[in-house]
């Protein structure tokens, strides 16, 4: 049985540059789902934990796989298709309402992860300005999309009042750069490419409009109880 506390300790150790001693001779195998491509800088702590041998030293053989967003990760973990996964800490709140038994067990940070990034030349200064506009999102199964919907609701808008375009993680900043979208539901990883293209942007903090959360690792109720 996967030792939940051991995984969390190894993952957090990467952020603290700590280490473990020699691990057990035989390792427990587990799958960890990422909500987006594993190469994104946001997943650095987990990649470091694996590359530096923290998981192995803790007796875990961790295989990484990719899902279609944080909400999809929460669903897959909750039904047992993977032992653990990553997403935003909001994700379990969304899927538990559908009867899926999953929870956040460790958070990477203490503030909202998704930020609304808009082109400065759009003149938009609040979520209300998105009405009738194109906005790029990673997918309709990602928690950043739900956070965007929360920001819209705070401004008295529904998602139907904008054109939310699910374009995949690589194209989210590209749509803003090309002017095909006035903004995006962005994670920090996608902001430098836009700035690198010399596009002036305005960052509208999600936490100013919606109680959005940080990145987290998710596990099922069954694994937590084991």
Protein backbone atom coordinates (compact mmCIF):
# COMPACT_ATOMS: atom_id res chain seq x y z
CA UNK A 1 0.00 0.00 0.00
CA UNK A 2 1.36 3.43 -0.96
CA UNK A 3 2.48 5.41 2.08
CA UNK A 4 0.87 8.79 1.53
CA UNK A 5 2.91 10.66 4.13
CA UNK A 6 6.13 9.30 2.62
CA UNK A 7 5.28 10.63 -0.85
CA UNK A 8 4.37 14.06 0.51
CA UNK A 9 7.55 14.27 2.57
CA UNK A 10 9.71 13.38 -0.43
CA UNK A 11 7.96 15.93 -2.65
CA UNK A 12 8.30 18.70 -0.10
CA UNK A 13 11.94 17.79 0.50
CA UNK A 14 12.72 18.80 -3.08
CA UNK A 15 11.58 22.32 -2.33
CA UNK A 16 13.65 22.40 0.84
CA UNK A 17 16.73 20.78 -0.79
CA UNK A 18 16.66 18.12 1.90
CA UNK A 19 17.31 14.45 1.30
CA UNK A 20 16.71 10.93 2.49
CA UNK A 21 19.00 8.08 3.35
CA UNK A 22 19.10 4.75 1.55
CA UNK A 23 15.63 3.36 0.92
CA UNK A 24 14.17 -0.13 1.03
CA UNK A 25 15.48 -2.75 -1.39
CA UNK A 26 12.09 -3.10 -3.12
CA UNK A 27 10.07 -0.02 -4.00
CA UNK A 28 6.29 0.37 -4.15
CA UNK A 29 5.11 1.37 -7.61
CA UNK A 30 2.70 4.26 -8.05
CA UNK A 31 1.42 6.57 -10.77
CA UNK A 32 1.27 10.34 -10.35
CA UNK A 33 -0.86 12.30 -12.82
CA UNK A 34 0.08 15.80 -13.91
CA UNK A 35 -2.69 18.13 -15.14
CA UNK A 36 -0.47 19.46 -17.96
CA UNK A 37 2.85 18.52 -19.63
CA UNK A 38 5.38 17.51 -16.93
CA UNK A 39 8.05 19.81 -18.41
CA UNK A 40 6.33 22.95 -17.06
CA UNK A 41 8.36 24.74 -14.36
CA UNK A 42 5.40 24.55 -11.97
CA UNK A 43 6.08 20.84 -11.55
CA UNK A 44 9.73 21.39 -10.68
CA UNK A 45 9.52 20.17 -7.05
CA UNK A 46 8.18 16.77 -8.07
CA UNK A 47 10.64 16.42 -10.94
CA UNK A 48 13.48 17.28 -8.57
CA UNK A 49 12.23 14.76 -6.02
CA UNK A 50 12.34 12.04 -8.67
CA UNK A 51 15.65 13.03 -10.28
CA UNK A 52 17.43 13.40 -6.95
CA UNK A 53 16.19 10.03 -5.80
CA UNK A 54 14.01 11.22 -2.93
CA UNK A 55 11.10 8.99 -3.92
CA UNK A 56 13.38 6.00 -4.44
CA UNK A 57 15.06 6.57 -1.09
CA UNK A 58 11.62 6.66 0.51
CA UNK A 59 10.73 3.30 -1.04
CA UNK A 60 8.59 4.57 -3.92
CA UNK A 61 8.91 4.00 -7.66
CA UNK A 62 6.93 6.89 -9.13
CA UNK A 63 5.78 6.95 -12.76
CA UNK A 64 4.53 10.26 -14.15
CA UNK A 65 1.60 10.52 -16.58
CA UNK A 66 -0.46 13.40 -17.95
CA UNK A 67 -4.21 14.01 -17.73
CA UNK A 68 -6.41 16.69 -19.31
CA UNK A 69 -6.36 19.23 -16.51
CA UNK A 70 -6.74 19.39 -12.75
CA UNK A 71 -10.40 18.40 -12.64
CA UNK A 72 -9.64 15.39 -14.84
CA UNK A 73 -6.78 14.46 -12.49
CA UNK A 74 -9.12 14.64 -9.50
CA UNK A 75 -11.63 12.36 -11.22
CA UNK A 76 -8.98 9.82 -12.28
CA UNK A 77 -7.41 9.72 -8.82
CA UNK A 78 -10.78 9.53 -7.08
CA UNK A 79 -11.89 6.47 -9.06
CA UNK A 80 -8.54 4.72 -8.61
CA UNK A 81 -6.97 5.06 -12.07
CA UNK A 82 -3.87 6.60 -10.43
CA UNK A 83 -2.66 6.64 -6.85
CA UNK A 84 -2.06 10.41 -6.74
CA UNK A 85 -2.04 13.44 -8.96
CA UNK A 86 -1.54 17.17 -9.15
CA UNK A 87 -3.96 20.00 -9.64
CA UNK A 88 -5.13 23.10 -7.90
CA UNK A 89 -6.40 22.65 -4.37
CA UNK A 90 -9.85 23.71 -5.59
CA UNK A 91 -10.17 20.57 -7.75
CA UNK A 92 -11.57 18.20 -5.08
CA UNK A 93 -14.24 20.75 -4.16
CA UNK A 94 -15.51 20.61 -7.73
CA UNK A 95 -15.59 16.83 -8.13
CA UNK A 96 -16.67 15.80 -4.63
CA UNK A 97 -20.02 17.39 -5.46
CA UNK A 98 -20.24 14.67 -8.13
CA UNK A 99 -19.60 11.94 -5.58
CA UNK A 100 -15.91 11.43 -6.38
CA UNK A 101 -13.93 10.69 -3.16
CA UNK A 102 -10.74 12.72 -3.52
CA UNK A 103 -8.97 15.33 -1.38
CA UNK A 104 -6.00 17.70 -1.44
CA UNK A 105 -3.25 16.36 0.83
CA UNK A 106 -0.35 18.78 0.36
CA UNK A 107 -0.32 22.33 -1.01
CA UNK A 108 2.55 23.99 -2.88
CA UNK A 109 2.03 27.61 -1.91
CA UNK A 110 -0.63 29.61 -0.15
CA UNK A 111 -2.22 31.85 -2.76
CA UNK A 112 -4.31 31.56 -5.92
CA UNK A 113 -2.31 29.99 -8.76
CA UNK A 114 -4.30 31.12 -11.80
CA UNK A 115 -4.09 34.76 -12.84
CA UNK A 116 -6.14 36.53 -15.47
CA UNK A 117 -3.61 37.96 -17.91
CA UNK A 118 -4.87 40.47 -20.49
CA UNK A 119 -3.21 42.46 -23.22
CA UNK A 120 -2.67 46.03 -22.08
CA UNK A 121 -3.87 47.32 -25.45
CA UNK A 122 -7.27 45.70 -24.79
CA UNK A 123 -8.03 48.35 -22.18
CA UNK A 124 -9.42 45.66 -19.85
CA UNK A 125 -8.80 46.27 -16.15
CA UNK A 126 -11.34 43.95 -14.49
CA UNK A 127 -13.02 40.62 -15.34
CA UNK A 128 -16.13 42.55 -16.38
CA UNK A 129 -14.20 43.80 -19.41
CA UNK A 130 -14.04 40.27 -20.85
CA UNK A 131 -17.68 40.35 -21.96
CA UNK A 132 -17.89 39.34 -25.61
CA UNK A 133 -14.12 38.76 -25.83
CA UNK A 134 -11.95 35.76 -26.71
CA UNK A 135 -10.10 34.25 -23.75
CA UNK A 136 -7.74 31.28 -24.05
CA UNK A 137 -7.89 28.48 -21.47
CA UNK A 138 -6.03 25.18 -21.25
CA UNK A 139 -9.10 22.94 -21.24
CA UNK A 140 -12.62 22.78 -19.92
CA UNK A 141 -11.41 20.02 -17.55
CA UNK A 142 -8.76 22.18 -15.92
CA UNK A 143 -9.27 23.96 -12.62
CA UNK A 144 -7.93 27.23 -14.04
CA UNK A 145 -11.04 27.31 -16.24
CA UNK A 146 -13.26 26.97 -13.17
CA UNK A 147 -11.28 29.71 -11.42
CA UNK A 148 -11.90 31.94 -14.43
CA UNK A 149 -15.61 31.19 -14.14
CA UNK A 150 -15.44 32.21 -10.49
CA UNK A 151 -13.87 35.53 -11.43
CA UNK A 152 -16.53 36.09 -14.07
CA UNK A 153 -19.29 35.34 -11.57
CA UNK A 154 -17.82 37.91 -9.19
CA UNK A 155 -18.19 40.43 -12.01
CA UNK A 156 -21.79 39.41 -12.70
CA UNK A 157 -20.93 37.45 -15.85
CA UNK A 158 -21.46 33.85 -16.95
CA UNK A 159 -18.94 31.90 -18.98
CA UNK A 160 -21.40 32.13 -21.89
CA UNK A 161 -20.81 35.89 -21.89
CA UNK A 162 -17.27 35.37 -23.20
CA UNK A 163 -15.70 33.11 -25.79
CA UNK A 164 -13.56 30.77 -23.68
CA UNK A 165 -11.35 28.86 -26.11
CA UNK A 166 -9.85 25.55 -24.93
CA UNK A 167 -6.59 25.41 -26.87
CA UNK A 168 -4.25 23.19 -24.84
CA UNK A 169 -1.34 24.25 -22.61
CA UNK A 170 1.11 25.21 -25.34
CA UNK A 171 -1.30 27.51 -27.20
CA UNK A 172 -2.71 29.41 -24.21
CA UNK A 173 -0.03 32.16 -24.28
CA UNK A 174 0.29 31.93 -28.06
CA UNK A 175 -3.30 33.05 -28.59
CA UNK A 176 -2.59 36.19 -26.56
CA UNK A 177 0.68 36.85 -28.38
CA UNK A 178 -1.02 36.53 -31.78
CA UNK A 179 -3.88 38.79 -30.74
CA UNK A 180 -6.44 36.02 -31.22
CA UNK A 181 -7.41 36.37 -27.56
CA UNK A 182 -7.46 39.46 -25.36
CA UNK A 183 -6.29 37.42 -22.41
CA UNK A 184 -5.89 34.02 -20.84
CA UNK A 185 -6.57 32.06 -17.68
CA UNK A 186 -2.85 31.77 -17.02
CA UNK A 187 -0.54 29.96 -14.65
CA UNK A 188 2.82 31.66 -13.95
CA UNK A 189 4.60 29.46 -16.52
CA UNK A 190 2.72 31.10 -19.40
CA UNK A 191 3.43 34.72 -18.52
CA UNK A 192 7.15 34.91 -19.54
CA UNK A 193 6.49 33.76 -23.15
CA UNK A 194 3.99 36.59 -23.60
CA UNK A 195 6.35 39.15 -22.10
CA UNK A 196 9.20 37.69 -24.16
CA UNK A 197 7.20 38.49 -27.29
CA UNK A 198 7.22 42.16 -26.21
CA UNK A 199 3.49 42.15 -25.51
CA UNK A 200 2.54 44.51 -22.70
CA UNK A 201 0.17 42.82 -20.28
CA UNK A 202 -1.92 43.50 -17.22
CA UNK A 203 -2.17 40.82 -14.52
CA UNK A 204 -5.51 40.72 -12.73
CA UNK A 205 -5.14 38.67 -9.55
CA UNK A 206 -7.71 35.92 -9.13
CA UNK A 207 -7.68 36.27 -5.35
CA UNK A 208 -9.07 39.81 -5.64
CA UNK A 209 -12.30 38.37 -7.06
CA UNK A 210 -12.53 34.70 -6.14
CA UNK A 211 -11.17 32.53 -3.26
CA UNK A 212 -8.95 30.51 -5.55
CA UNK A 213 -6.21 28.17 -4.24
CA UNK A 214 -2.62 27.08 -4.87
CA UNK A 215 -1.23 23.94 -6.49
CA UNK A 216 -1.73 20.72 -4.55
CA UNK A 217 -1.25 16.97 -4.66
CA UNK A 218 -4.45 14.95 -4.59
CA UNK A 219 -5.26 11.50 -3.21
CA UNK A 220 -8.39 9.40 -2.89
CA UNK A 221 -10.22 8.89 0.39
CA UNK A 222 -9.30 5.20 0.13
CA UNK A 223 -5.56 5.92 -0.04
CA UNK A 224 -5.77 8.46 2.77
CA UNK A 225 -7.52 5.94 5.01
CA UNK A 226 -5.03 3.14 4.26
